[in-house]
Amino acid sequence: MTDHPQNPPPPAGEPERPASGGAYGSQPYGSQPYGSQPYGSQPYQPADGQTGGAQPYDGGQPPYGDQPYGQGYAPQPQGTNVLGIIALILGILSIPLACCGGWPGLLAGIVAIVLGVMGNKKAKQGLVGGKGLSMAGLILGIIGTVMGIAMLVFTIMFADLAQKCQQYDQDPAKMQQCVTDEFNKR
């Protein structure tokens, strides 16, 4: 058998390692093993006498995440706000319908307002969710109603003008003069 040294000599120009430094499991360069305090340092002690870190569970309140379902939360509404959904749909439709002569948008807007108010009351009572749906339907219904009224007034006003100037429908210059004269009178 041949004799093999445990630690071969270092190459030229390198410092020699201590005898305990090369063995498996030893701490190189004098570092401390895990969990031990470095030389001269004291373990941390809180100034107020507490143990520091996490507090032990005392059995009073369950730890975070262990609360039973629904405990500590406001009760959730039980259903969908169908009145709010219908109010929103009619409110959206009332705006383009107001441009189609006025009265379809006016009717859809009024129904959207009524359903929006009813849906909002149910949402405030906590019977259903979707308060935002009914509010959006209410607001869009108001916009559609105002647009429908404006379109009806515009239609009535210009229907009278069209009837007065209808006799000039073959002559565009006379038709333009009639319309200008009627606008100046108002």
N, C-alpha and C. Protein backbone atom coordinates (compact mmCIF):
# COMPACT_ATOMS: atom_id res chain seq x y z
N MET A 1 0.82 -1.18 0.00
CA MET A 1 0.00 0.00 0.00
C MET A 1 0.85 1.23 0.00
N THR A 2 0.32 2.16 -0.64
CA THR A 2 1.06 3.41 -0.74
C THR A 2 0.53 4.41 0.27
N ASP A 3 1.40 5.20 0.76
CA ASP A 3 1.01 6.26 1.69
C ASP A 3 0.61 7.50 0.91
N HIS A 4 -0.66 7.90 1.04
CA HIS A 4 -1.13 9.15 0.43
C HIS A 4 -1.38 10.16 1.54
N PRO A 5 -0.84 11.30 1.44
CA PRO A 5 -1.12 12.30 2.46
C PRO A 5 -2.56 12.79 2.35
N GLN A 6 -3.15 13.16 3.51
CA GLN A 6 -4.53 13.66 3.50
C GLN A 6 -4.64 14.98 2.77
N ASN A 7 -3.73 15.86 3.04
CA ASN A 7 -3.74 17.17 2.39
C ASN A 7 -2.46 17.30 1.57
N PRO A 8 -2.58 17.33 0.26
CA PRO A 8 -1.37 17.48 -0.55
C PRO A 8 -0.76 18.87 -0.30
N PRO A 9 0.50 19.03 -0.51
CA PRO A 9 1.11 20.34 -0.30
C PRO A 9 0.56 21.34 -1.32
N PRO A 10 0.41 22.61 -0.92
CA PRO A 10 -0.12 23.61 -1.84
C PRO A 10 0.86 23.92 -2.94
N PRO A 11 0.36 24.36 -4.09
CA PRO A 11 1.25 24.76 -5.18
C PRO A 11 2.12 25.93 -4.73
N ALA A 12 3.18 26.15 -5.46
CA ALA A 12 4.11 27.21 -5.10
C ALA A 12 3.44 28.57 -5.14
N GLY A 13 3.68 29.40 -4.13
CA GLY A 13 3.15 30.76 -4.08
C GLY A 13 1.84 30.88 -3.33
N GLU A 14 1.18 29.77 -2.94
CA GLU A 14 -0.07 29.83 -2.19
C GLU A 14 0.21 29.55 -0.73
N PRO A 15 -0.57 30.22 0.15
CA PRO A 15 -0.37 29.96 1.58
C PRO A 15 -0.85 28.57 1.94
N GLU A 16 -0.30 28.06 3.01
CA GLU A 16 -0.66 26.73 3.45
C GLU A 16 -1.96 26.77 4.22
N ARG A 17 -2.85 25.78 4.03
CA ARG A 17 -4.12 25.71 4.75
C ARG A 17 -3.88 25.07 6.09
N PRO A 18 -4.74 25.44 7.06
CA PRO A 18 -4.62 24.74 8.33
C PRO A 18 -5.03 23.28 8.16
N ALA A 19 -4.59 22.45 9.05
CA ALA A 19 -4.83 21.02 8.94
C ALA A 19 -6.30 20.68 9.00
N SER A 20 -7.10 21.44 9.76
CA SER A 20 -8.51 21.12 9.88
C SER A 20 -9.33 21.73 8.75
N GLY A 21 -8.76 22.56 7.92
CA GLY A 21 -9.52 23.30 6.91
C GLY A 21 -9.93 22.48 5.73
N GLY A 22 -9.33 21.37 5.44
CA GLY A 22 -9.66 20.67 4.22
C GLY A 22 -10.58 19.51 4.41
N ALA A 23 -10.88 19.12 5.62
CA ALA A 23 -11.71 17.96 5.85
C ALA A 23 -13.18 18.29 5.58
N TYR A 24 -13.93 17.28 5.16
CA TYR A 24 -15.36 17.46 4.88
C TYR A 24 -16.11 17.81 6.15
N GLY A 25 -16.98 18.85 6.08
CA GLY A 25 -17.79 19.25 7.23
C GLY A 25 -17.12 20.27 8.11
N SER A 26 -15.87 20.61 7.87
CA SER A 26 -15.22 21.62 8.69
C SER A 26 -15.58 23.00 8.16
N GLN A 27 -15.47 24.01 8.99
CA GLN A 27 -15.82 25.38 8.63
C GLN A 27 -14.57 26.10 8.13
N PRO A 28 -14.53 26.49 6.84
CA PRO A 28 -13.36 27.18 6.32
C PRO A 28 -13.30 28.62 6.83
N TYR A 29 -12.14 29.15 6.90
CA TYR A 29 -11.87 30.54 7.23
C TYR A 29 -12.45 30.97 8.57
N GLY A 30 -12.65 30.11 9.46
CA GLY A 30 -13.05 30.46 10.81
C GLY A 30 -14.50 30.90 10.95
N SER A 31 -15.40 30.57 10.00
CA SER A 31 -16.80 30.98 10.13
C SER A 31 -17.49 30.12 11.17
N GLN A 32 -18.54 30.69 11.76
CA GLN A 32 -19.25 30.02 12.83
C GLN A 32 -20.25 29.02 12.27
N PRO A 33 -20.49 27.94 12.96
CA PRO A 33 -21.52 27.01 12.52
C PRO A 33 -22.90 27.66 12.62
N TYR A 34 -23.86 27.15 11.85
CA TYR A 34 -25.21 27.72 11.79
C TYR A 34 -25.84 27.72 13.18
N GLY A 35 -26.42 28.87 13.55
CA GLY A 35 -27.15 28.98 14.80
C GLY A 35 -26.30 29.41 15.97
N SER A 36 -24.98 29.43 15.86
CA SER A 36 -24.16 29.86 17.00
C SER A 36 -23.91 31.35 16.91
N GLN A 37 -23.70 31.98 18.03
CA GLN A 37 -23.44 33.41 18.10
C GLN A 37 -21.98 33.69 17.77
N PRO A 38 -21.74 34.74 16.98
CA PRO A 38 -20.35 35.10 16.70
C PRO A 38 -19.64 35.51 18.00
N TYR A 39 -18.31 35.48 17.96
CA TYR A 39 -17.51 35.79 19.14
C TYR A 39 -17.84 37.19 19.64
N GLY A 40 -18.12 37.32 20.90
CA GLY A 40 -18.34 38.61 21.54
C GLY A 40 -19.74 39.16 21.39
N SER A 41 -20.64 38.53 20.67
CA SER A 41 -21.99 39.09 20.51
C SER A 41 -22.95 38.41 21.47
N GLN A 42 -23.95 39.14 21.86
CA GLN A 42 -24.95 38.63 22.77
C GLN A 42 -26.24 38.35 22.00
N PRO A 43 -27.03 37.36 22.39
CA PRO A 43 -28.31 37.12 21.71
C PRO A 43 -29.25 38.30 21.93
N TYR A 44 -30.19 38.50 20.98
CA TYR A 44 -31.13 39.63 21.03
C TYR A 44 -32.14 39.43 22.15
N GLN A 45 -32.29 40.45 22.96
CA GLN A 45 -33.29 40.47 24.02
C GLN A 45 -34.11 41.74 23.87
N PRO A 46 -35.43 41.66 23.64
CA PRO A 46 -36.25 42.87 23.53
C PRO A 46 -36.22 43.66 24.83
N ALA A 47 -36.26 44.98 24.71
CA ALA A 47 -36.15 45.86 25.87
C ALA A 47 -37.38 45.78 26.77
N ASP A 48 -38.57 45.50 26.21
CA ASP A 48 -39.78 45.52 27.02
C ASP A 48 -40.09 44.17 27.68
N GLY A 49 -39.20 43.22 27.58
CA GLY A 49 -39.37 41.95 28.26
C GLY A 49 -40.21 40.93 27.50
N GLN A 50 -40.65 41.26 26.30
CA GLN A 50 -41.44 40.30 25.54
C GLN A 50 -40.52 39.23 24.97
N THR A 51 -41.12 38.17 24.52
CA THR A 51 -40.32 37.07 23.99
C THR A 51 -39.82 37.35 22.59
N GLY A 52 -40.41 38.30 21.88
CA GLY A 52 -40.00 38.60 20.52
C GLY A 52 -40.56 37.57 19.55
N GLY A 53 -40.69 37.94 18.30
CA GLY A 53 -41.19 37.02 17.30
C GLY A 53 -42.70 36.85 17.41
N ALA A 54 -43.18 35.71 16.98
CA ALA A 54 -44.63 35.46 16.94
C ALA A 54 -45.15 35.21 18.35
N GLN A 55 -46.35 35.69 18.60
CA GLN A 55 -46.98 35.49 19.90
C GLN A 55 -47.66 34.12 19.91
N PRO A 56 -47.63 33.45 21.03
CA PRO A 56 -48.29 32.14 21.07
C PRO A 56 -49.79 32.27 20.98
N TYR A 57 -50.44 31.25 20.45
CA TYR A 57 -51.89 31.24 20.29
C TYR A 57 -52.53 31.00 21.65
N ASP A 58 -53.41 31.94 22.05
CA ASP A 58 -54.01 31.85 23.38
C ASP A 58 -55.40 31.23 23.37
N GLY A 59 -55.94 30.85 22.25
CA GLY A 59 -57.24 30.21 22.19
C GLY A 59 -58.41 31.17 22.08
N GLY A 60 -58.17 32.48 22.13
CA GLY A 60 -59.26 33.46 22.07
C GLY A 60 -59.82 33.60 20.67
N GLN A 61 -59.09 34.23 19.82
CA GLN A 61 -59.53 34.45 18.44
C GLN A 61 -58.73 33.52 17.54
N PRO A 62 -59.40 32.89 16.56
CA PRO A 62 -58.65 32.00 15.68
C PRO A 62 -57.63 32.79 14.87
N PRO A 63 -56.50 32.17 14.52
CA PRO A 63 -55.50 32.86 13.73
C PRO A 63 -56.05 33.25 12.36
N TYR A 64 -55.34 34.15 11.71
CA TYR A 64 -55.73 34.64 10.39
C TYR A 64 -55.93 33.48 9.44
N GLY A 65 -57.03 33.54 8.69
CA GLY A 65 -57.31 32.51 7.69
C GLY A 65 -58.12 31.35 8.22
N ASP A 66 -58.31 31.25 9.52
CA ASP A 66 -59.07 30.14 10.08
C ASP A 66 -60.48 30.54 10.49
N GLN A 67 -60.95 31.70 10.02
CA GLN A 67 -62.29 32.14 10.39
C GLN A 67 -63.32 31.37 9.58
N PRO A 68 -64.42 31.00 10.21
CA PRO A 68 -65.49 30.33 9.48
C PRO A 68 -66.06 31.25 8.40
N TYR A 69 -66.66 30.64 7.40
CA TYR A 69 -67.21 31.39 6.26
C TYR A 69 -68.25 32.40 6.74
N GLY A 70 -68.10 33.63 6.26
CA GLY A 70 -69.11 34.66 6.51
C GLY A 70 -68.95 35.38 7.84
N GLN A 71 -68.08 34.95 8.70
CA GLN A 71 -67.94 35.60 9.99
C GLN A 71 -67.11 36.86 9.83
N GLY A 72 -67.61 37.99 10.34
CA GLY A 72 -66.88 39.23 10.28
C GLY A 72 -67.08 40.02 9.01
N TYR A 73 -67.92 39.57 8.13
CA TYR A 73 -68.17 40.26 6.87
C TYR A 73 -69.63 40.69 6.81
N ALA A 74 -69.88 41.75 6.03
CA ALA A 74 -71.26 42.20 5.84
C ALA A 74 -72.02 41.15 5.03
N PRO A 75 -73.30 40.97 5.29
CA PRO A 75 -74.07 39.99 4.53
C PRO A 75 -74.15 40.38 3.06
N GLN A 76 -73.98 39.42 2.20
CA GLN A 76 -74.01 39.67 0.77
C GLN A 76 -75.45 39.58 0.26
N PRO A 77 -75.82 40.45 -0.71
CA PRO A 77 -77.17 40.37 -1.28
C PRO A 77 -77.40 39.01 -1.92
N GLN A 78 -78.67 38.59 -1.92
CA GLN A 78 -78.99 37.24 -2.32
C GLN A 78 -79.20 37.05 -3.82
N GLY A 79 -79.59 38.09 -4.56
CA GLY A 79 -79.92 37.86 -5.95
C GLY A 79 -79.35 38.92 -6.88
N THR A 80 -79.69 38.77 -8.15
CA THR A 80 -79.28 39.71 -9.17
C THR A 80 -80.35 40.78 -9.31
N ASN A 81 -79.93 41.98 -9.57
CA ASN A 81 -80.84 43.11 -9.71
C ASN A 81 -81.40 43.11 -11.14
N VAL A 82 -82.47 42.35 -11.34
CA VAL A 82 -83.08 42.23 -12.67
C VAL A 82 -83.64 43.59 -13.11
N LEU A 83 -84.24 44.33 -12.17
CA LEU A 83 -84.76 45.66 -12.52
C LEU A 83 -83.63 46.58 -12.98
N GLY A 84 -82.47 46.47 -12.34
CA GLY A 84 -81.32 47.29 -12.73
C GLY A 84 -80.81 46.92 -14.11
N ILE A 85 -80.81 45.62 -14.42
CA ILE A 85 -80.36 45.17 -15.74
C ILE A 85 -81.30 45.67 -16.83
N ILE A 86 -82.61 45.54 -16.60
CA ILE A 86 -83.58 46.01 -17.59
C ILE A 86 -83.50 47.52 -17.73
N ALA A 87 -83.32 48.25 -16.61
CA ALA A 87 -83.18 49.71 -16.67
C ALA A 87 -81.95 50.09 -17.48
N LEU A 88 -80.85 49.37 -17.30
CA LEU A 88 -79.63 49.66 -18.05
C LEU A 88 -79.84 49.42 -19.54
N ILE A 89 -80.47 48.31 -19.89
CA ILE A 89 -80.72 48.00 -21.31
C ILE A 89 -81.62 49.07 -21.94
N LEU A 90 -82.71 49.42 -21.25
CA LEU A 90 -83.61 50.44 -21.80
C LEU A 90 -82.96 51.82 -21.83
N GLY A 91 -82.12 52.11 -20.83
CA GLY A 91 -81.41 53.38 -20.82
C GLY A 91 -80.45 53.50 -21.99
N ILE A 92 -79.75 52.40 -22.29
CA ILE A 92 -78.85 52.41 -23.44
C ILE A 92 -79.64 52.56 -24.74
N LEU A 93 -80.75 51.83 -24.85
CA LEU A 93 -81.56 51.90 -26.08
C LEU A 93 -82.27 53.24 -26.24
N SER A 94 -82.55 53.93 -25.13
CA SER A 94 -83.30 55.19 -25.22
C SER A 94 -82.53 56.27 -25.97
N ILE A 95 -81.21 56.22 -25.94
CA ILE A 95 -80.42 57.27 -26.59
C ILE A 95 -80.50 57.17 -28.11
N PRO A 96 -80.23 56.02 -28.74
CA PRO A 96 -80.40 55.99 -30.20
C PRO A 96 -81.87 56.07 -30.62
N LEU A 97 -82.78 55.55 -29.79
CA LEU A 97 -84.20 55.63 -30.15
C LEU A 97 -84.70 57.07 -30.11
N ALA A 98 -84.06 57.91 -29.29
CA ALA A 98 -84.46 59.32 -29.24
C ALA A 98 -84.17 60.02 -30.57
N CYS A 99 -83.19 59.52 -31.29
CA CYS A 99 -82.86 60.11 -32.58
C CYS A 99 -83.83 59.67 -33.68
N CYS A 100 -84.68 58.69 -33.40
CA CYS A 100 -85.63 58.17 -34.38
C CYS A 100 -87.01 58.79 -34.17
N GLY A 101 -87.10 60.06 -34.16
CA GLY A 101 -88.39 60.72 -34.03
C GLY A 101 -88.68 61.22 -32.63
N GLY A 102 -87.95 60.78 -31.64
CA GLY A 102 -88.11 61.30 -30.29
C GLY A 102 -88.96 60.45 -29.37
N TRP A 103 -90.16 60.08 -29.80
CA TRP A 103 -91.07 59.40 -28.87
C TRP A 103 -90.61 58.00 -28.46
N PRO A 104 -89.96 57.17 -29.32
CA PRO A 104 -89.49 55.87 -28.83
C PRO A 104 -88.42 56.03 -27.72
N GLY A 105 -87.53 56.98 -27.91
CA GLY A 105 -86.52 57.24 -26.90
C GLY A 105 -87.10 57.80 -25.62
N LEU A 106 -88.14 58.63 -25.77
CA LEU A 106 -88.82 59.21 -24.61
C LEU A 106 -89.48 58.10 -23.78
N LEU A 107 -90.18 57.18 -24.44
CA LEU A 107 -90.84 56.08 -23.73
C LEU A 107 -89.82 55.15 -23.06
N ALA A 108 -88.78 54.76 -23.80
CA ALA A 108 -87.76 53.88 -23.23
C ALA A 108 -87.03 54.56 -22.07
N GLY A 109 -86.80 55.86 -22.19
CA GLY A 109 -86.13 56.60 -21.13
C GLY A 109 -86.96 56.68 -19.86
N ILE A 110 -88.27 56.90 -20.01
CA ILE A 110 -89.14 56.99 -18.84
C ILE A 110 -89.21 55.65 -18.12
N VAL A 111 -89.36 54.57 -18.88
CA VAL A 111 -89.40 53.24 -18.27
C VAL A 111 -88.06 52.92 -17.59
N ALA A 112 -86.94 53.32 -18.21
CA ALA A 112 -85.63 53.10 -17.61
C ALA A 112 -85.48 53.87 -16.30
N ILE A 113 -86.01 55.08 -16.24
CA ILE A 113 -85.95 55.87 -15.00
C ILE A 113 -86.74 55.17 -13.89
N VAL A 114 -87.96 54.75 -14.21
CA VAL A 114 -88.81 54.10 -13.20
C VAL A 114 -88.16 52.81 -12.70
N LEU A 115 -87.69 51.96 -13.62
CA LEU A 115 -87.05 50.70 -13.21
C LEU A 115 -85.73 50.95 -12.48
N GLY A 116 -85.00 51.98 -12.88
CA GLY A 116 -83.75 52.32 -12.20
C GLY A 116 -83.98 52.74 -10.76
N VAL A 117 -85.02 53.52 -10.53
CA VAL A 117 -85.35 53.93 -9.15
C VAL A 117 -85.78 52.72 -8.33
N MET A 118 -86.61 51.86 -8.90
CA MET A 118 -87.06 50.66 -8.18
C MET A 118 -85.89 49.72 -7.87
N GLY A 119 -85.01 49.52 -8.84
CA GLY A 119 -83.85 48.66 -8.63
C GLY A 119 -82.89 49.24 -7.60
N ASN A 120 -82.74 50.56 -7.60
CA ASN A 120 -81.88 51.22 -6.63
C ASN A 120 -82.42 51.06 -5.21
N LYS A 121 -83.74 51.14 -5.05
CA LYS A 121 -84.35 50.96 -3.72
C LYS A 121 -84.11 49.54 -3.20
N LYS A 122 -84.27 48.55 -4.08
CA LYS A 122 -84.04 47.16 -3.66
C LYS A 122 -82.57 46.93 -3.30
N ALA A 123 -81.66 47.56 -4.04
CA ALA A 123 -80.23 47.41 -3.74
C ALA A 123 -79.89 48.09 -2.41
N LYS A 124 -80.49 49.23 -2.13
CA LYS A 124 -80.23 49.92 -0.85
C LYS A 124 -80.78 49.13 0.33
N GLN A 125 -81.87 48.39 0.13
CA GLN A 125 -82.44 47.56 1.18
C GLN A 125 -81.61 46.31 1.42
N GLY A 126 -80.71 46.00 0.50
CA GLY A 126 -79.87 44.81 0.63
C GLY A 126 -80.51 43.55 0.11
N LEU A 127 -81.64 43.68 -0.59
CA LEU A 127 -82.32 42.49 -1.12
C LEU A 127 -81.59 41.91 -2.34
N VAL A 128 -80.99 42.79 -3.13
CA VAL A 128 -80.27 42.36 -4.33
C VAL A 128 -78.99 43.19 -4.44
N GLY A 129 -78.08 42.73 -5.28
CA GLY A 129 -76.86 43.49 -5.57
C GLY A 129 -77.09 44.35 -6.80
N GLY A 130 -76.05 44.86 -7.38
CA GLY A 130 -76.14 45.58 -8.64
C GLY A 130 -76.67 46.99 -8.53
N LYS A 131 -76.28 47.72 -7.50
CA LYS A 131 -76.72 49.10 -7.37
C LYS A 131 -76.18 49.93 -8.54
N GLY A 132 -74.99 49.62 -8.99
CA GLY A 132 -74.39 50.34 -10.11
C GLY A 132 -75.17 50.16 -11.40
N LEU A 133 -75.73 48.97 -11.60
CA LEU A 133 -76.55 48.72 -12.80
C LEU A 133 -77.76 49.63 -12.83
N SER A 134 -78.46 49.69 -11.70
CA SER A 134 -79.68 50.50 -11.66
C SER A 134 -79.35 51.98 -11.74
N MET A 135 -78.22 52.40 -11.16
CA MET A 135 -77.83 53.82 -11.26
C MET A 135 -77.47 54.18 -12.70
N ALA A 136 -76.75 53.30 -13.37
CA ALA A 136 -76.39 53.55 -14.77
C ALA A 136 -77.65 53.59 -15.65
N GLY A 137 -78.60 52.68 -15.41
CA GLY A 137 -79.85 52.69 -16.15
C GLY A 137 -80.64 53.96 -15.90
N LEU A 138 -80.65 54.41 -14.65
CA LEU A 138 -81.35 55.66 -14.29
C LEU A 138 -80.74 56.85 -15.01
N ILE A 139 -79.42 56.96 -14.98
CA ILE A 139 -78.73 58.09 -15.62
C ILE A 139 -78.92 58.07 -17.13
N LEU A 140 -78.75 56.90 -17.74
CA LEU A 140 -78.94 56.80 -19.19
C LEU A 140 -80.40 57.03 -19.57
N GLY A 141 -81.33 56.61 -18.71
CA GLY A 141 -82.74 56.88 -18.97
C GLY A 141 -83.04 58.38 -18.94
N ILE A 142 -82.43 59.10 -18.01
CA ILE A 142 -82.61 60.55 -17.96
C ILE A 142 -82.06 61.20 -19.23
N ILE A 143 -80.87 60.76 -19.65
CA ILE A 143 -80.28 61.32 -20.88
C ILE A 143 -81.17 61.01 -22.08
N GLY A 144 -81.66 59.77 -22.20
CA GLY A 144 -82.53 59.41 -23.32
C GLY A 144 -83.85 60.17 -23.29
N THR A 145 -84.39 60.41 -22.09
CA THR A 145 -85.64 61.17 -21.98
C THR A 145 -85.44 62.62 -22.43
N VAL A 146 -84.36 63.23 -21.98
CA VAL A 146 -84.07 64.62 -22.38
C VAL A 146 -83.86 64.69 -23.89
N MET A 147 -83.11 63.73 -24.44
CA MET A 147 -82.91 63.73 -25.89
C MET A 147 -84.22 63.50 -26.64
N GLY A 148 -85.07 62.62 -26.12
CA GLY A 148 -86.37 62.36 -26.76
C GLY A 148 -87.26 63.60 -26.75
N ILE A 149 -87.28 64.32 -25.62
CA ILE A 149 -88.07 65.57 -25.55
C ILE A 149 -87.53 66.59 -26.53
N ALA A 150 -86.19 66.74 -26.57
CA ALA A 150 -85.59 67.70 -27.49
C ALA A 150 -85.91 67.35 -28.94
N MET A 151 -85.86 66.05 -29.26
CA MET A 151 -86.16 65.64 -30.63
C MET A 151 -87.63 65.86 -30.98
N LEU A 152 -88.54 65.62 -30.02
CA LEU A 152 -89.96 65.89 -30.28
C LEU A 152 -90.20 67.37 -30.51
N VAL A 153 -89.60 68.22 -29.69
CA VAL A 153 -89.76 69.67 -29.88
C VAL A 153 -89.19 70.08 -31.23
N PHE A 154 -88.03 69.56 -31.57
CA PHE A 154 -87.41 69.86 -32.86
C PHE A 154 -88.30 69.39 -34.01
N THR A 155 -88.86 68.19 -33.90
CA THR A 155 -89.72 67.64 -34.96
C THR A 155 -91.00 68.46 -35.12
N ILE A 156 -91.64 68.80 -34.00
CA ILE A 156 -92.88 69.59 -34.07
C ILE A 156 -92.60 70.97 -34.66
N MET A 157 -91.50 71.57 -34.23
CA MET A 157 -91.15 72.89 -34.72
C MET A 157 -90.89 72.87 -36.22
N PHE A 158 -90.16 71.87 -36.68
CA PHE A 158 -89.83 71.82 -38.10
C PHE A 158 -90.93 71.19 -38.95
N ALA A 159 -91.85 70.47 -38.35
CA ALA A 159 -92.99 69.95 -39.11
C ALA A 159 -93.87 71.11 -39.57
N ASP A 160 -94.05 72.09 -38.68
CA ASP A 160 -94.82 73.28 -39.04
C ASP A 160 -94.11 74.06 -40.14
N LEU A 161 -92.80 74.17 -40.03
CA LEU A 161 -92.00 74.87 -41.04
C LEU A 161 -92.06 74.14 -42.38
N ALA A 162 -91.98 72.81 -42.32
CA ALA A 162 -92.02 72.03 -43.56
C ALA A 162 -93.37 72.15 -44.24
N GLN A 163 -94.44 72.24 -43.44
CA GLN A 163 -95.77 72.37 -44.02
C GLN A 163 -95.94 73.73 -44.70
N LYS A 164 -95.41 74.77 -44.09
CA LYS A 164 -95.53 76.12 -44.68
C LYS A 164 -94.71 76.26 -45.95
N CYS A 165 -93.57 75.61 -46.00
CA CYS A 165 -92.67 75.77 -47.14
C CYS A 165 -92.79 74.64 -48.15
N GLN A 166 -93.76 73.74 -47.97
CA GLN A 166 -93.90 72.59 -48.86
C GLN A 166 -94.26 73.02 -50.29
N GLN A 167 -94.93 74.11 -50.42
CA GLN A 167 -95.34 74.56 -51.76
C GLN A 167 -94.16 74.89 -52.66
N TYR A 168 -92.97 75.10 -52.05
CA TYR A 168 -91.78 75.45 -52.83
C TYR A 168 -90.84 74.27 -53.03
N ASP A 169 -91.35 73.05 -52.92
CA ASP A 169 -90.47 71.88 -52.98
C ASP A 169 -89.85 71.66 -54.37
N GLN A 170 -90.39 72.26 -55.42
CA GLN A 170 -89.82 72.13 -56.76
C GLN A 170 -88.75 73.18 -57.04
N ASP A 171 -88.73 74.25 -56.26
CA ASP A 171 -87.76 75.33 -56.48
C ASP A 171 -86.87 75.46 -55.23
N PRO A 172 -85.65 74.95 -55.28
CA PRO A 172 -84.79 74.98 -54.09
C PRO A 172 -84.48 76.40 -53.60
N ALA A 173 -84.35 77.36 -54.47
CA ALA A 173 -84.04 78.73 -54.04
C ALA A 173 -85.20 79.32 -53.25
N LYS A 174 -86.43 79.11 -53.72
CA LYS A 174 -87.60 79.62 -53.00
C LYS A 174 -87.79 78.86 -51.68
N MET A 175 -87.49 77.57 -51.68
CA MET A 175 -87.59 76.77 -50.45
C MET A 175 -86.61 77.32 -49.41
N GLN A 176 -85.38 77.62 -49.83
CA GLN A 176 -84.38 78.17 -48.92
C GLN A 176 -84.83 79.52 -48.38
N GLN A 177 -85.40 80.34 -49.23
CA GLN A 177 -85.88 81.67 -48.81
C GLN A 177 -87.04 81.53 -47.81
N CYS A 178 -87.94 80.58 -48.03
CA CYS A 178 -89.05 80.34 -47.11
C CYS A 178 -88.56 79.90 -45.74
N VAL A 179 -87.61 78.98 -45.73
CA VAL A 179 -87.06 78.49 -44.46
C VAL A 179 -86.35 79.62 -43.71
N THR A 180 -85.59 80.44 -44.43
CA THR A 180 -84.90 81.56 -43.80
C THR A 180 -85.88 82.57 -43.23
N ASP A 181 -86.93 82.86 -43.96
CA ASP A 181 -87.96 83.79 -43.48
C ASP A 181 -88.67 83.26 -42.23
N GLU A 182 -88.98 81.96 -42.21
CA GLU A 182 -89.66 81.38 -41.06
C GLU A 182 -88.76 81.36 -39.81
N PHE A 183 -87.46 81.10 -40.01
CA PHE A 183 -86.54 81.14 -38.88
C PHE A 183 -86.39 82.54 -38.32
N ASN A 184 -86.38 83.52 -39.19
CA ASN A 184 -86.24 84.91 -38.74
C ASN A 184 -87.47 85.39 -37.97
N LYS A 185 -88.63 84.82 -38.26
CA LYS A 185 -89.85 85.20 -37.55
C LYS A 185 -89.84 84.68 -36.09
N ARG A 186 -89.18 83.60 -35.87
CA ARG A 186 -89.18 83.00 -34.53
C ARG A 186 -88.09 83.59 -33.74
